[in-house]
Amino acid sequence: MSGSTAGEETRASRPGGRAWLPFVLLLVLGTLWGGTFTLSKIAIEGGVPPLGYAFWQALGPALVLLLVCVLRRIRLGLTRGDVLFYVTAGLLGITVPNINFFFVIGHIPAGVMAVVVATAPMLTYGFALMLGEERFGWRRAAGIGLGLAGALCLLVPRASLPDPAMLGWVVLGFLTPAFYAANSLYSARRRPAGGHSLGLACGMMFGASLFQSAAMLASGSFYPLWPPFALPDWALLGQILLSAVAYILFFEVLRLAGAVFFSQVGYIVTLTGLAWGMVVFGERHSAWLYLATGLIFAGLALVNLQRRGKAAR
């Protein structure tokens, strides 16, 4: 995901702006993204191959975003640097983490995966610290420590998961937020100058589609998506529509309130991801998962507080 343009004035900050609108959009966006855990689980458990699911999940939103770019007359950069960015960001930020996600989600509760993915911001700071792109700060380091403690609450106690056999899948699940974090650092460093966020997202989705098409064809995992539709098909169609709408809301929130405000969406995604899993699948979790959620939320708050302080200066 891309950040907002530096120095961009947000509508919410203007006199007479509708200050409540970004909060409403953020709540809707977080609820939609939280639903992706449940939709993907329905589709994968219903027989959609993970690689086939990943293909449609990238190509569908890419086409919708392209239509939006055409309607809004947003130009997609096609220089060598632009294409390299699309392909690399698509691989790091969509193809690898999403394929991993779709393989894992069929083996663990949707709510558990929602908590695992919530560690992405803390992993981003940890990677940036190791690469020398961030200065060490005790507050944010404490946030990393709390996030690690939350992860250990999922992995160490035998009673933390419905079935101890899920442990390996949960460990594998952490690759998804790790790659999201890697892509955040790459995108911040290599984002093409002057590129519109919506156009960059569209290019990134098409870049991911190239890899996912190759993986799908090589493995023979193509999933035909045409009538009559069964429940897994509707879940896949819902995922495509949800992802497309969510990206549009994502950029609207960035435009209205900026990247720092948007960073709070992770809390909503985790809570709604847990809620959707409970409502749809009847998932019930141990106290260890709720302790892990609390620790990770506290870690996110500490990591984001310093970021807000910098933004305010």
Protein backbone atom coordinates (compact mmCIF):
# COMPACT_ATOMS: atom_id res chain seq x y z
CA MET A 1 0.00 0.00 0.00
CA SER A 2 1.21 3.45 -0.81
CA GLY A 3 1.32 6.50 1.41
CA SER A 4 -0.15 9.92 0.72
CA THR A 5 1.72 12.60 -1.21
CA ALA A 6 4.01 14.70 0.95
CA GLY A 7 2.58 18.08 1.81
CA GLU A 8 -0.88 17.19 0.52
CA GLU A 9 -3.64 19.12 2.27
CA THR A 10 -6.40 16.89 3.57
CA ARG A 11 -10.00 17.89 3.17
CA ALA A 12 -10.72 16.99 6.81
CA SER A 13 -8.29 19.69 7.93
CA ARG A 14 -9.94 22.48 5.94
CA PRO A 15 -12.44 24.86 7.56
CA GLY A 16 -15.91 23.46 7.27
CA GLY A 17 -14.65 19.98 6.38
CA ARG A 18 -16.67 16.97 7.40
CA ALA A 19 -14.38 15.77 10.21
CA TRP A 20 -16.53 12.68 10.82
CA LEU A 21 -16.21 11.32 7.27
CA PRO A 22 -12.68 9.84 7.58
CA PHE A 23 -13.74 7.95 10.72
CA VAL A 24 -16.76 6.46 8.96
CA LEU A 25 -14.72 5.48 5.91
CA LEU A 26 -11.98 3.99 8.08
CA LEU A 27 -14.56 1.92 9.96
CA VAL A 28 -16.10 0.66 6.71
CA LEU A 29 -12.67 -0.07 5.23
CA GLY A 30 -11.50 -1.99 8.29
CA THR A 31 -14.73 -4.00 8.36
CA LEU A 32 -14.37 -4.91 4.68
CA TRP A 33 -10.74 -5.92 5.05
CA GLY A 34 -11.62 -7.90 8.17
CA GLY A 35 -14.10 -9.85 6.06
CA THR A 36 -11.37 -11.03 3.68
CA PHE A 37 -10.23 -13.63 6.23
CA THR A 38 -13.70 -15.19 6.28
CA LEU A 39 -14.33 -15.00 2.52
CA SER A 40 -11.00 -16.61 1.68
CA LYS A 41 -11.59 -19.36 4.23
CA ILE A 42 -15.03 -20.12 2.75
CA ALA A 43 -13.58 -20.29 -0.77
CA ILE A 44 -10.47 -22.34 0.08
CA GLU A 45 -12.37 -24.81 2.25
CA GLY A 46 -14.99 -25.01 -0.51
CA GLY A 47 -12.47 -26.30 -3.00
CA VAL A 48 -10.98 -23.23 -4.69
CA PRO A 49 -7.21 -23.88 -5.15
CA PRO A 50 -5.11 -21.31 -3.26
CA LEU A 51 -3.18 -20.38 -6.41
CA GLY A 52 -6.39 -20.07 -8.41
CA TYR A 53 -7.89 -17.89 -5.69
CA ALA A 54 -4.77 -15.70 -5.60
CA PHE A 55 -4.98 -15.20 -9.38
CA TRP A 56 -8.54 -13.89 -9.33
CA GLN A 57 -7.91 -11.87 -6.17
CA ALA A 58 -5.18 -9.93 -8.01
CA LEU A 59 -6.60 -9.70 -11.54
CA GLY A 60 -10.15 -8.73 -10.53
CA PRO A 61 -9.21 -5.66 -8.46
CA ALA A 62 -6.54 -4.74 -11.04
CA LEU A 63 -9.21 -4.47 -13.74
CA VAL A 64 -11.51 -2.46 -11.48
CA LEU A 65 -8.68 -0.09 -10.53
CA LEU A 66 -7.76 0.31 -14.21
CA LEU A 67 -11.34 1.33 -14.97
CA VAL A 68 -11.24 3.89 -12.14
CA CYS A 69 -7.94 5.27 -13.47
CA VAL A 70 -9.41 5.60 -16.96
CA LEU A 71 -12.54 7.36 -15.66
CA ARG A 72 -10.45 9.72 -13.53
CA ARG A 73 -7.86 10.19 -16.29
CA ILE A 74 -5.02 9.01 -14.09
CA ARG A 75 -1.97 8.06 -16.15
CA LEU A 76 -0.06 4.86 -15.40
CA GLY A 77 3.68 5.34 -15.75
CA LEU A 78 5.23 2.86 -18.18
CA THR A 79 8.94 3.68 -17.94
CA ARG A 80 11.39 0.91 -17.10
CA GLY A 81 11.55 2.18 -13.51
CA ASP A 82 7.75 2.21 -13.21
CA VAL A 83 7.39 -1.34 -14.54
CA LEU A 84 10.18 -2.57 -12.25
CA PHE A 85 8.36 -1.02 -9.30
CA TYR A 86 5.04 -2.63 -10.27
CA VAL A 87 6.59 -6.07 -10.64
CA THR A 88 8.70 -5.95 -7.48
CA ALA A 89 5.98 -4.44 -5.29
CA GLY A 90 3.47 -6.89 -6.74
CA LEU A 91 5.76 -9.80 -5.85
CA LEU A 92 6.65 -8.61 -2.34
CA GLY A 93 3.37 -7.02 -1.33
CA ILE A 94 0.76 -9.22 -3.00
CA THR A 95 1.92 -12.43 -4.67
CA VAL A 96 4.09 -14.02 -1.97
CA PRO A 97 2.15 -12.88 1.13
CA ASN A 98 -1.27 -13.57 -0.37
CA ILE A 99 -0.41 -17.03 -1.71
CA ASN A 100 1.01 -17.87 1.71
CA PHE A 101 -2.14 -16.43 3.31
CA PHE A 102 -4.46 -18.52 1.12
CA PHE A 103 -2.55 -21.73 1.88
CA VAL A 104 -2.53 -21.06 5.62
CA ILE A 105 -6.13 -19.83 6.04
CA GLY A 106 -7.51 -23.28 5.19
CA HIS A 107 -5.76 -24.73 8.24
CA ILE A 108 -6.25 -22.20 11.06
CA PRO A 109 -9.20 -20.10 12.33
CA ALA A 110 -9.84 -16.84 10.49
CA GLY A 111 -9.61 -14.92 13.77
CA VAL A 112 -6.13 -16.27 14.52
CA MET A 113 -4.90 -15.20 11.09
CA ALA A 114 -6.37 -11.73 11.67
CA VAL A 115 -4.24 -11.38 14.81
CA VAL A 116 -1.13 -12.68 13.02
CA VAL A 117 -1.47 -10.16 10.17
CA ALA A 118 -1.82 -7.33 12.72
CA THR A 119 1.91 -7.64 13.50
CA ALA A 120 2.89 -6.13 10.11
CA PRO A 121 3.46 -2.53 11.37
CA MET A 122 5.74 -3.72 14.16
CA LEU A 123 7.68 -5.94 11.76
CA THR A 124 8.05 -2.93 9.46
CA TYR A 125 9.68 -0.91 12.22
CA GLY A 126 11.88 -3.86 13.23
CA PHE A 127 13.13 -4.34 9.66
CA ALA A 128 13.70 -0.59 9.25
CA LEU A 129 15.72 -0.58 12.46
CA MET A 130 17.91 -3.45 11.23
CA LEU A 131 18.48 -1.70 7.90
CA GLY A 132 19.43 1.57 9.59
CA GLU A 133 16.43 3.45 8.19
CA GLU A 134 14.99 4.19 11.65
CA ARG A 135 16.66 5.40 14.83
CA PHE A 136 16.34 3.30 17.93
CA GLY A 137 13.67 4.54 20.33
CA TRP A 138 12.73 2.95 23.63
CA ARG A 139 9.01 3.53 23.15
CA ARG A 140 8.87 1.84 19.76
CA ALA A 141 11.28 -0.88 20.91
CA ALA A 142 8.87 -1.58 23.77
CA GLY A 143 6.11 -1.82 21.15
CA ILE A 144 8.13 -4.45 19.28
CA GLY A 145 8.60 -6.33 22.55
CA LEU A 146 4.88 -6.32 23.27
CA GLY A 147 4.15 -7.53 19.75
CA LEU A 148 6.66 -10.36 20.20
CA ALA A 149 5.05 -11.25 23.51
CA GLY A 150 1.67 -11.36 21.77
CA ALA A 151 3.05 -13.66 19.08
CA LEU A 152 4.50 -15.96 21.75
CA CYS A 153 1.07 -16.13 23.40
CA LEU A 154 -0.16 -17.68 20.16
CA LEU A 155 2.77 -20.04 19.67
CA VAL A 156 3.94 -21.27 23.08
CA PRO A 157 0.95 -22.31 25.24
CA ARG A 158 -0.54 -25.63 24.14
CA ALA A 159 -4.03 -24.33 24.96
CA SER A 160 -3.72 -21.21 22.76
CA LEU A 161 -5.00 -22.98 19.61
CA PRO A 162 -8.02 -25.26 19.07
CA ASP A 163 -5.63 -27.98 17.84
CA PRO A 164 -1.87 -28.12 18.63
CA ALA A 165 -1.34 -29.40 15.06
CA MET A 166 -2.13 -25.86 13.85
CA LEU A 167 1.09 -24.50 15.38
CA GLY A 168 3.20 -25.01 12.25
CA TRP A 169 0.59 -23.28 10.11
CA VAL A 170 0.48 -20.30 12.49
CA VAL A 171 4.28 -19.99 12.30
CA LEU A 172 4.05 -20.11 8.50
CA GLY A 173 1.32 -17.46 8.66
CA PHE A 174 3.81 -14.91 10.01
CA LEU A 175 5.48 -14.88 6.58
CA THR A 176 2.51 -12.88 5.31
CA PRO A 177 2.97 -9.81 7.58
CA ALA A 178 6.75 -10.14 7.14
CA PHE A 179 6.41 -9.70 3.39
CA TYR A 180 3.88 -6.88 3.86
CA ALA A 181 6.51 -5.16 6.00
CA ALA A 182 9.25 -5.73 3.41
CA ASN A 183 7.05 -4.24 0.72
CA SER A 184 6.29 -1.17 2.84
CA LEU A 185 10.01 -0.44 3.09
CA TYR A 186 10.62 -1.13 -0.59
CA SER A 187 7.68 1.01 -1.71
CA ALA A 188 8.71 3.93 0.50
CA ARG A 189 12.23 3.86 -0.94
CA ARG A 190 11.49 3.06 -4.60
CA ARG A 191 8.12 4.71 -5.20
CA PRO A 192 8.31 6.44 -8.61
CA ALA A 193 8.45 10.22 -8.27
CA GLY A 194 5.21 11.91 -9.25
CA GLY A 195 3.25 8.68 -9.45
CA HIS A 196 -0.41 8.82 -8.41
CA SER A 197 -1.19 6.39 -5.59
CA LEU A 198 -4.18 4.94 -7.42
CA GLY A 199 -2.14 4.38 -10.58
CA LEU A 200 0.69 2.78 -8.60
CA ALA A 201 -1.76 0.43 -6.88
CA CYS A 202 -3.23 -0.54 -10.24
CA GLY A 203 0.21 -1.23 -11.69
CA MET A 204 1.18 -3.20 -8.59
CA MET A 205 -1.93 -5.39 -8.91
CA PHE A 206 -1.17 -6.10 -12.57
CA GLY A 207 2.43 -6.87 -11.62
CA ALA A 208 1.18 -9.37 -9.08
CA SER A 209 -1.19 -10.85 -11.67
CA LEU A 210 1.76 -11.75 -13.90
CA PHE A 211 3.41 -13.84 -11.19
CA GLN A 212 0.17 -15.37 -10.01
CA SER A 213 -0.86 -16.28 -13.55
CA ALA A 214 2.44 -18.08 -14.08
CA ALA A 215 2.17 -19.92 -10.74
CA MET A 216 -1.44 -20.87 -11.41
CA LEU A 217 -0.78 -22.19 -14.93
CA ALA A 218 2.39 -24.04 -13.90
CA SER A 219 0.53 -25.84 -11.13
CA GLY A 220 -2.66 -26.44 -13.13
CA SER A 221 -4.66 -24.55 -10.50
CA PHE A 222 -6.90 -22.46 -12.75
CA TYR A 223 -10.34 -22.09 -11.22
CA PRO A 224 -13.18 -21.37 -13.71
CA LEU A 225 -15.33 -18.53 -12.44
CA TRP A 226 -18.56 -18.57 -14.41
CA PRO A 227 -22.23 -19.46 -13.78
CA PRO A 228 -23.80 -21.29 -12.15
CA PHE A 229 -22.08 -20.00 -9.02
CA ALA A 230 -21.71 -22.11 -5.88
CA LEU A 231 -20.93 -20.73 -2.41
CA PRO A 232 -17.11 -20.75 -2.95
CA ASP A 233 -17.63 -18.84 -6.21
CA TRP A 234 -19.72 -16.20 -4.49
CA ALA A 235 -17.03 -15.89 -1.82
CA LEU A 236 -14.41 -15.35 -4.54
CA LEU A 237 -16.58 -12.79 -6.34
CA GLY A 238 -17.16 -11.08 -3.02
CA GLN A 239 -13.41 -10.97 -2.44
CA ILE A 240 -12.84 -9.32 -5.82
CA LEU A 241 -15.53 -6.69 -5.23
CA LEU A 242 -14.45 -6.12 -1.63
CA SER A 243 -10.79 -5.66 -2.58
CA ALA A 244 -11.64 -3.19 -5.34
CA VAL A 245 -13.93 -1.12 -3.10
CA ALA A 246 -11.42 -1.30 -0.24
CA TYR A 247 -8.63 0.10 -2.41
CA ILE A 248 -10.81 3.02 -3.46
CA LEU A 249 -11.71 3.71 0.19
CA PHE A 250 -8.04 3.32 1.12
CA PHE A 251 -6.99 6.16 -1.17
CA GLU A 252 -9.97 8.27 -0.16
CA VAL A 253 -9.00 7.98 3.52
CA LEU A 254 -5.41 8.91 2.63
CA ARG A 255 -6.68 11.95 0.72
CA LEU A 256 -8.99 13.08 3.50
CA ALA A 257 -6.90 12.40 6.59
CA GLY A 258 -3.41 11.21 5.67
CA ALA A 259 -1.28 8.12 6.24
CA VAL A 260 -0.91 8.51 10.02
CA PHE A 261 -4.67 8.47 10.54
CA PHE A 262 -4.99 5.54 8.13
CA SER A 263 -2.51 3.45 10.15
CA GLN A 264 -5.24 2.93 12.76
CA VAL A 265 -7.13 0.67 10.35
CA GLY A 266 -5.13 -2.31 11.63
CA TYR A 267 -7.05 -2.27 14.91
CA ILE A 268 -10.39 -2.39 13.10
CA VAL A 269 -9.25 -5.13 10.71
CA THR A 270 -8.16 -7.37 13.58
CA LEU A 271 -11.32 -6.86 15.64
CA THR A 272 -13.67 -7.32 12.67
CA GLY A 273 -11.63 -10.30 11.45
CA LEU A 274 -12.20 -11.94 14.82
CA ALA A 275 -15.88 -10.97 14.77
CA TRP A 276 -16.52 -12.28 11.24
CA GLY A 277 -14.92 -15.60 12.17
CA MET A 278 -17.16 -15.91 15.22
CA VAL A 279 -20.34 -15.03 13.33
CA VAL A 280 -19.76 -17.10 10.19
CA PHE A 281 -17.78 -20.08 11.49
CA GLY A 282 -18.80 -20.04 15.14
CA GLU A 283 -15.13 -19.71 16.12
CA ARG A 284 -14.42 -19.57 19.83
CA HIS A 285 -10.97 -18.65 21.03
CA SER A 286 -8.93 -19.24 24.16
CA ALA A 287 -7.96 -16.53 26.61
CA TRP A 288 -4.44 -16.72 25.16
CA LEU A 289 -5.65 -15.33 21.83
CA TYR A 290 -7.35 -12.38 23.50
CA LEU A 291 -4.22 -11.75 25.57
CA ALA A 292 -2.18 -11.88 22.36
CA THR A 293 -4.58 -9.39 20.74
CA GLY A 294 -4.28 -6.99 23.67
CA LEU A 295 -0.48 -7.16 23.69
CA ILE A 296 -0.28 -6.64 19.93
CA PHE A 297 -2.67 -3.68 20.12
CA ALA A 298 -0.57 -2.15 22.90
CA GLY A 299 2.53 -2.68 20.77
CA LEU A 300 0.88 -1.05 17.77
CA ALA A 301 -0.08 1.94 19.91
CA LEU A 302 3.51 2.44 21.10
CA VAL A 303 4.91 2.10 17.58
CA ASN A 304 2.34 4.55 16.17
CA LEU A 305 2.53 7.12 18.99
CA GLN A 306 6.06 8.14 18.08
CA ARG A 307 5.10 8.26 14.41
CA ARG A 308 2.25 10.64 15.27
CA GLY A 309 4.66 12.78 17.28
CA LYS A 310 6.94 13.11 14.27
CA ALA A 311 4.03 13.94 12.00
CA ALA A 312 2.84 16.69 14.33
CA ARG A 313 6.17 18.51 14.25
